[in-house]
Every structure is written in C-alpha cells, then in structure tokens.
Protein backbone atom coordinates (compact mmCIF):
# COMPACT_ATOMS: atom_id res chain seq x y z
CA MET A 1 -14.50 -7.44 -6.24
CA ASN A 2 -14.82 -8.40 -2.81
CA SER A 3 -11.36 -7.10 -1.95
CA LEU A 4 -11.29 -4.53 -4.54
CA VAL A 5 -11.95 -1.25 -2.53
CA LYS A 6 -9.44 -1.11 0.40
CA PHE A 7 -9.05 2.56 1.51
CA LEU A 8 -6.60 3.94 4.20
CA PHE A 9 -9.45 5.12 6.08
CA LEU A 10 -11.02 1.86 6.63
CA SER A 11 -8.25 -0.11 8.08
CA ILE A 12 -10.04 -1.62 10.45
CA LEU A 13 -7.44 -3.87 12.52
CA SER A 14 -5.32 -0.49 13.23
CA VAL A 15 -6.98 0.39 16.27
CA SER A 16 -4.83 1.80 18.75
CA PHE A 17 -4.20 0.85 22.53
CA LEU A 18 -4.46 4.19 24.28
CA PHE A 19 -6.89 4.09 27.49
CA SER A 20 -6.65 7.55 28.22
CA ALA A 21 -9.16 10.16 27.02
CA ASP A 22 -8.03 13.09 25.96
CA ILE A 23 -10.66 14.95 23.69
CA LEU A 24 -9.31 15.61 20.35
CA ALA A 25 -12.65 16.71 18.62
CA VAL A 26 -16.49 16.84 19.34
CA VAL A 27 -18.41 15.61 15.94
CA ASN A 28 -22.29 16.02 16.20
CA GLY A 29 -21.91 15.68 20.20
CA LYS A 30 -19.69 12.50 20.18
CA ASN A 31 -16.19 12.88 21.22
CA ILE A 32 -13.16 11.64 19.30
CA THR A 33 -10.45 10.79 21.93
CA THR A 34 -6.82 9.90 21.87
CA GLN A 35 -8.10 6.27 22.35
CA VAL A 36 -8.35 6.04 18.68
CA ALA A 37 -5.28 8.10 17.52
CA PRO A 38 -1.90 6.86 16.83
CA LYS A 39 0.15 5.73 19.77
CA ASP A 40 2.59 8.21 18.97
CA PHE A 41 0.18 11.15 18.28
CA ASP A 42 1.71 13.07 21.38
CA LYS A 43 5.30 12.91 19.54
CA LEU A 44 3.80 14.51 16.37
CA ASP A 45 4.24 18.24 15.56
CA LYS A 46 0.85 20.25 15.91
CA LYS A 47 0.54 20.10 11.96
CA MET A 48 0.58 16.31 11.85
CA GLN A 49 -1.39 16.03 14.91
CA LYS A 50 -4.14 18.21 13.05
CA LYS A 51 -3.78 15.99 9.86
CA VAL A 52 -4.58 13.00 12.05
CA VAL A 53 -7.43 14.70 13.95
CA ASP A 54 -9.08 15.53 10.43
CA ARG A 55 -8.51 11.95 9.64
CA LEU A 56 -10.25 10.85 12.82
CA ILE A 57 -12.91 12.75 11.92
CA ASP A 58 -13.46 11.52 8.60
CA LYS A 59 -13.31 7.98 10.25
CA ARG A 60 -16.25 8.82 12.66
CA LEU A 61 -18.40 10.40 9.88
CA ALA A 62 -18.08 7.30 8.05
CA SER A 63 -18.64 4.93 10.79
CA ASP A 64 -22.06 6.90 11.82
CA TYR A 65 -23.13 7.16 8.07
CA ALA A 66 -22.70 3.17 7.68
CA LEU A 67 -24.06 2.14 10.93
CA SER A 68 -27.27 4.22 9.92
CA THR A 69 -27.87 1.92 7.22
CA LYS A 70 -29.19 -1.44 6.87
CA ILE A 71 -26.28 -2.98 5.97
CA SER A 72 -24.91 -2.81 9.78
CA ASN A 73 -27.74 -5.53 9.98
CA SER A 74 -27.16 -8.07 7.64
CA ASP A 75 -26.54 -11.25 8.46
CA GLU A 76 -23.13 -11.29 6.34
CA PHE A 77 -21.83 -8.05 8.30
CA LYS A 78 -22.61 -9.49 11.72
CA LYS A 79 -20.88 -13.02 10.54
CA VAL A 80 -17.76 -11.06 9.41
CA LEU A 81 -17.87 -8.21 12.35
CA GLU A 82 -17.70 -11.52 14.91
CA HIS A 83 -14.79 -13.04 12.81
CA VAL A 84 -12.63 -9.93 12.90
CA PHE A 85 -13.53 -9.48 16.49
CA GLN A 86 -12.51 -12.65 17.52
CA MET A 87 -9.23 -12.55 15.29
CA SER A 88 -8.23 -9.45 16.95
CA SER A 89 -9.53 -10.85 20.74
CA LYS A 90 -7.15 -12.16 23.16
CA ASN A 91 -9.74 -13.93 25.16
CA GLU A 92 -12.49 -15.83 23.91
CA LYS A 93 -16.19 -14.64 25.30
CA ASP A 94 -18.14 -18.05 25.90
CA ASN A 95 -21.63 -17.82 25.53
CA GLU A 96 -21.87 -14.09 25.24
CA ASP A 97 -23.63 -12.49 22.25
CA LEU A 98 -21.61 -10.02 20.22
CA ALA A 99 -24.23 -7.48 19.95
CA ASN A 100 -24.06 -7.42 23.59
CA LEU A 101 -20.63 -7.02 23.71
CA PHE A 102 -20.56 -3.77 21.64
CA LYS A 103 -23.35 -2.28 23.99
CA LYS A 104 -20.92 -2.22 27.03
CA ASP A 105 -19.17 0.82 28.18
CA SER A 106 -16.12 -1.09 29.83
CA ILE A 107 -13.03 -2.32 28.37
CA ILE A 108 -13.57 -5.71 26.49
CA ASP A 109 -10.31 -7.98 25.22
CA GLY A 110 -8.20 -4.80 25.30
CA TYR A 111 -10.70 -2.50 23.33
CA THR A 112 -12.74 0.42 24.83
CA LYS A 113 -16.13 1.11 23.57
CA GLU A 114 -14.95 4.13 21.35
CA GLN A 115 -12.43 1.55 19.54
CA LEU A 116 -15.19 -0.89 19.18
CA TYR A 117 -17.21 1.71 17.72
CA SER A 118 -14.78 2.77 15.14
CA LYS A 119 -13.89 -0.96 13.97
CA LYS A 120 -17.53 -1.89 13.60
CA GLY A 121 -18.29 1.51 12.03
CA LEU A 122 -15.28 1.02 9.46
CA LEU A 123 -16.15 -2.37 8.79
CA ALA A 124 -19.70 -1.38 7.36
CA PHE A 125 -18.39 1.26 5.70
CA ASP A 126 -16.34 -1.02 3.90
CA PHE A 127 -19.31 -3.22 3.07
CA ILE A 128 -21.09 -0.33 1.51
CA LEU A 129 -18.21 0.45 -0.79
CA ASN A 130 -17.92 -3.69 -1.63
CA LYS A 131 -21.58 -3.43 -2.40
CA LYS A 132 -21.45 -0.31 -4.83
CA SER A 133 -17.91 -1.77 -6.47
CA LYS A 134 -20.14 -4.91 -7.55
CA GLU A 135 -23.08 -2.72 -8.82
CA LEU A 136 -21.11 -0.85 -11.00
CA LYS A 137 -20.71 -2.33 -14.42
CA PRO A 138 -19.17 0.25 -16.99
CA SER A 139 -19.65 -0.12 -20.62
CA ASP A 140 -16.82 -0.99 -23.02
CA ASP A 141 -17.25 2.70 -24.40
CA VAL A 142 -16.80 3.92 -20.88
CA LEU A 143 -13.77 1.58 -20.23
CA LYS A 144 -12.19 2.41 -23.45
CA LYS A 145 -12.17 6.09 -22.96
CA TYR A 146 -10.86 5.69 -19.70
CA TYR A 147 -8.21 3.46 -21.10
CA GLU A 148 -7.36 5.91 -23.94
CA THR A 149 -6.39 8.76 -21.31
CA ARG A 150 -4.29 6.54 -19.19
CA VAL A 151 -2.77 4.16 -21.87
CA TYR A 152 0.78 5.45 -20.35
CA LYS A 153 -0.10 3.46 -17.47
CA TYR A 154 -0.80 0.04 -19.21
CA ASP A 155 2.39 0.22 -21.32
CA THR A 156 5.88 -1.05 -20.24
CA PRO A 157 8.99 0.57 -21.52
CA ALA A 158 12.07 -1.91 -22.38
CA MET A 159 13.76 -2.34 -19.28
CA LEU A 160 16.95 -4.18 -17.66
CA GLU A 161 16.58 -6.23 -14.38
CA LEU A 162 20.00 -5.80 -12.59
CA LEU A 163 22.49 -6.89 -10.23
CA THR A 164 25.59 -4.93 -9.23
CA ILE A 165 28.86 -4.95 -7.23
CA VAL A 166 30.27 -1.48 -6.66
CA VAL A 167 34.12 -1.50 -5.00
CA GLU A 168 36.39 1.18 -4.57
CA ASP A 169 39.52 -0.24 -6.29
CA LYS A 170 39.68 -1.04 -9.84
CA LYS A 171 42.16 -3.74 -9.54
CA LEU A 172 39.74 -5.45 -7.30
CA SER A 173 37.00 -5.01 -10.14
CA SER A 174 39.17 -6.70 -12.59
CA LYS A 175 39.91 -9.49 -10.36
CA ILE A 176 36.10 -9.94 -10.17
CA ILE A 177 35.33 -9.83 -13.67
CA GLU A 178 37.92 -12.47 -14.42
CA GLU A 179 36.37 -14.61 -11.63
CA LEU A 180 33.03 -14.25 -13.41
CA LYS A 181 34.56 -15.21 -16.59
CA SER A 182 35.91 -18.18 -15.44
CA SER A 183 32.38 -19.22 -13.68
CA LYS A 184 30.24 -21.99 -14.88
CA ASP A 185 27.68 -20.39 -12.80
CA THR A 186 27.77 -16.89 -13.67
CA LEU A 187 24.61 -15.74 -11.52
CA GLU A 188 25.55 -17.62 -8.33
CA THR A 189 28.95 -16.46 -8.42
CA PHE A 190 27.89 -13.08 -9.09
CA SER A 191 25.75 -13.12 -5.94
CA LYS A 192 28.20 -14.07 -3.79
CA LEU A 193 31.05 -12.02 -4.85
CA ALA A 194 28.32 -9.14 -4.14
CA SER A 195 27.54 -10.06 -0.83
CA LYS A 196 31.21 -10.52 -0.16
CA TYR A 197 32.61 -7.20 -1.94
CA SER A 198 30.17 -4.74 -2.91
CA LEU A 199 30.15 -1.16 -1.22
CA ALA A 200 26.45 -0.71 -1.91
CA PRO A 201 23.58 -1.23 -0.01
CA SER A 202 21.94 -4.07 -2.37
CA ALA A 203 25.14 -6.03 -1.02
CA LYS A 204 22.57 -7.14 1.36
CA LYS A 205 20.21 -8.48 -1.30
CA TYR A 206 23.24 -10.54 -3.41
CA GLY A 207 23.46 -7.05 -5.40
CA TYR A 208 20.12 -6.69 -6.52
CA PHE A 209 20.01 -3.39 -8.36
CA GLY A 210 16.33 -3.55 -9.56
CA LYS A 211 14.57 -3.03 -13.06
CA LEU A 212 15.48 0.19 -14.96
CA PRO A 213 13.92 1.25 -17.73
CA ILE A 214 16.60 1.56 -20.69
CA ASN A 215 15.51 5.23 -21.76
CA GLU A 216 16.09 6.21 -18.34
CA LEU A 217 19.90 4.96 -17.86
CA ASN A 218 22.01 7.91 -17.67
CA LYS A 219 24.60 8.69 -20.30
CA THR A 220 27.39 6.73 -19.14
CA LEU A 221 25.42 3.34 -18.57
CA LYS A 222 23.15 3.26 -21.42
CA PRO A 223 25.63 3.39 -24.34
CA ILE A 224 27.11 0.02 -22.57
CA LEU A 225 24.05 -1.66 -21.25
CA LYS A 226 21.32 -0.71 -23.98
CA ASP A 227 21.86 -4.05 -26.11
CA PHE A 228 22.80 -6.46 -22.88
CA LYS A 229 20.39 -9.53 -22.94
CA ARG A 230 19.72 -11.91 -19.88
CA GLY A 231 23.09 -13.46 -18.49
CA ASP A 232 25.46 -10.81 -19.93
CA PHE A 233 27.88 -8.77 -17.50
CA VAL A 234 30.20 -5.83 -18.23
CA LYS A 235 33.70 -7.02 -19.26
CA GLU A 236 35.46 -4.21 -17.88
CA ALA A 237 34.03 -2.01 -14.55
CA ILE A 238 32.31 1.32 -14.96
CA LYS A 239 33.70 3.99 -13.38
CA THR A 240 30.89 5.87 -11.59
CA GLU A 241 30.43 8.46 -9.00
CA PHE A 242 30.09 5.58 -6.69
CA GLY A 243 33.15 3.90 -7.68
CA TYR A 244 33.69 0.91 -9.92
CA GLN A 245 30.61 -0.54 -10.91
CA ILE A 246 29.81 -4.32 -12.49
CA PHE A 247 26.58 -4.92 -13.91
CA TYR A 248 24.92 -8.41 -14.24
CA VAL A 249 21.77 -8.85 -16.41
CA LEU A 250 19.23 -10.84 -14.40
CA ASN A 251 16.70 -10.34 -17.01
CA ASP A 252 15.82 -8.21 -20.29
CA ILE A 253 12.35 -7.21 -20.45
CA PRO A 254 10.87 -6.03 -23.86
CA GLU A 255 8.65 -2.97 -24.38
CA PHE A 256 5.00 -4.07 -24.31
CA LYS A 257 2.29 -1.93 -25.87
CA SER A 258 -0.75 -2.41 -24.55
CA THR A 259 -4.10 -2.79 -26.36
CA PHE A 260 -7.55 -2.52 -24.64
CA THR A 261 -8.23 -6.07 -25.12
CA SER A 262 -5.23 -7.30 -23.60
CA VAL A 263 -5.46 -5.15 -20.20
CA ARG A 264 -9.50 -4.77 -20.11
CA SER A 265 -9.92 -6.41 -16.77
CA MET A 266 -6.98 -4.56 -15.51
CA VAL A 267 -8.92 -1.25 -16.76
CA GLU A 268 -12.10 -2.18 -15.34
CA GLU A 269 -10.61 -2.82 -11.86
CA GLU A 270 -9.28 0.69 -11.69
CA PHE A 271 -12.19 2.52 -13.07
CA ILE A 272 -14.37 0.66 -10.35
CA LYS A 273 -11.87 1.45 -7.64
CA ASN A 274 -11.50 5.03 -8.09
CA ASP A 275 -15.07 5.56 -8.84
CA VAL A 276 -16.04 4.20 -5.68
CA LYS A 277 -13.05 5.85 -4.15
CA ARG A 278 -14.49 9.30 -5.62
CA TRP A 279 -17.82 8.17 -3.96
CA ALA A 280 -16.34 7.61 -0.67
CA LEU A 281 -14.81 11.04 -0.77
CA ASP A 282 -17.55 12.78 -1.79
CA LYS A 283 -19.89 11.32 0.84
CA ILE A 284 -17.53 12.29 3.69
CA LYS A 285 -17.27 15.86 2.22
CA GLU A 286 -20.94 15.92 2.06
CA LEU A 287 -21.63 14.57 5.86
CA LYS A 288 -18.90 17.02 7.06
CA GLU A 289 -20.74 19.94 5.56
CA LYS A 290 -24.12 18.73 7.25
CA SER A 291 -22.00 18.30 10.62
CA ILE A 292 -21.36 20.17 13.87
CA ILE A 293 -17.49 19.57 14.55
CA GLN A 294 -15.36 21.38 17.17
CA ILE A 295 -11.43 20.33 16.81
CA LYS A 296 -10.10 20.60 20.51
CA ILE A 297 -6.11 20.68 20.14
C-alpha cells in the first residue's frame, strides 16, 4: 500500500519557482505567498485565484500538522526527504547536513525557505496517509457491503475496440474497402489508409477510435456493428454526420460480470483509499476550523 494514497494536495514536486513574495493569505500568523503558487497565478481570474489560495491554505495546514508529529523525525522520512531534495536539486551540497539546509532563510538550489517547508510538510503528510492506509484492515463483511453498493464499477459491458476511417467521398470509401478486401494484412492496411485518407483526428493515431460499449452505440451503428468480431470491417461505408465512415474491429471484449471474490483486492484498495482520503479531508477541515486565517486577495 506504499503508493496507494496519492492526493492532489500532496503533489510534492510541483513547487513553483516564483521568488517574489506577494502575500496571498496568512494562516496562524504565517504568510502564504506567490512563491508557492502556480507560475501563471497572476493570469488567472479572481474566482480561480481564490480556489488556488484555498488549496494553498489546505496545504499549509496539512504541512503544519504533519511536521508537528513524530513522523517527521523518523529515519525513513528523513531518508526519503533527502532523496527527494537531491533529485529535484540542480546542485549537490557536499558535506552539508540536510536539516541545516531547511533552517536557512536564503534560496537553496532554486528553492526558497517557504517552498522547502511546503515540500517537507507535504511529504510528511503523505507519510501519515500511507501509514494510515497500512493500518486499515477492513473485514470481508465490510468490503462486501462496499462492493454491493458499487458493483457497477467492477462490471464491464460488452465492448468493441475500433479503428475508423472517415472520408467525404463515397467513391473513395468504396476504393478503400476494396483495398481492405484484397489485403493479406487487413489491420496494417487499415492503419496505413487511415493515416493517408481519414479526415478524423484519429488519423494521427492510425485510425484508433477507442473502446465503445455496444449498448451505447447510436441507432445507426449498433445494428451494423453489434455482432462484429475481432478482425471484421464494414463492407460498405456508413454514412454519418462526419462523412462516409469505415470501421475495423481491433478487439471484441465480452461482458464481464464481477463477483466479490474476483475483484476483492481491487475493492479493498479502493475502500482504503477512500477511507484515508475522507480522514485527510476531515482533518484539514478540523484544522481550518481551529485556525486564524486571513485571505489577502
């Protein structure tokens, strides 16, 4: 479960490199500045800027909380922190203790003190979440109830994985189909012809159209394609709103009806992830309610 819990507010490596220090908010007497905001912060509209600041406040609260716990003093945390810092650093600091680096006020290898604090705090919070994920041991009864309320997420409808060619001219579509009929390697020929003739954006991907549930095909396509199998292609172009469309079945995927046993590990992973995420959001909400916060924008 080490890599199970990865939340957006814990993106340790996405530190901006703004060195101006316009104050965006003050949390419990500590400034949050544009040094930890996205590079394009000034270009965002006011509504989006407020969302960014709210998120930065959440990050600061998570950092402050995590760094006040014992986990930030653990050997494992210090080892990972040093590795992260060295990996994202442009210059090596020979014979200099990492703990001392984080005490300095000056810019260190492209990072300000505020950015380093955020980096360190979010890593510590991530450690807390991973620790909680390992401690959770949901019973089969709990997981079964969770599965039964979300069974649709684990079932897969019958699908077709398709390639397509779209052309404007019916005569050209007929020419393409004749070439496919005489080809010894239909898939290779279809991909080449898609790249050469197709007007659809998928031409750049050799005609790859994607996976579509058969039951969700529109009334024009469903009667024609519903019984197609891998390697089949239409023998006459289908007139659609985009032009004359030719389809090739890359794969026919049968319906999958899950059982709890067959997807238990997936259910457990999702259950734990959601439970830990809920704890994290509740913890930040609790911290926010106890904090003195001033927004400066």
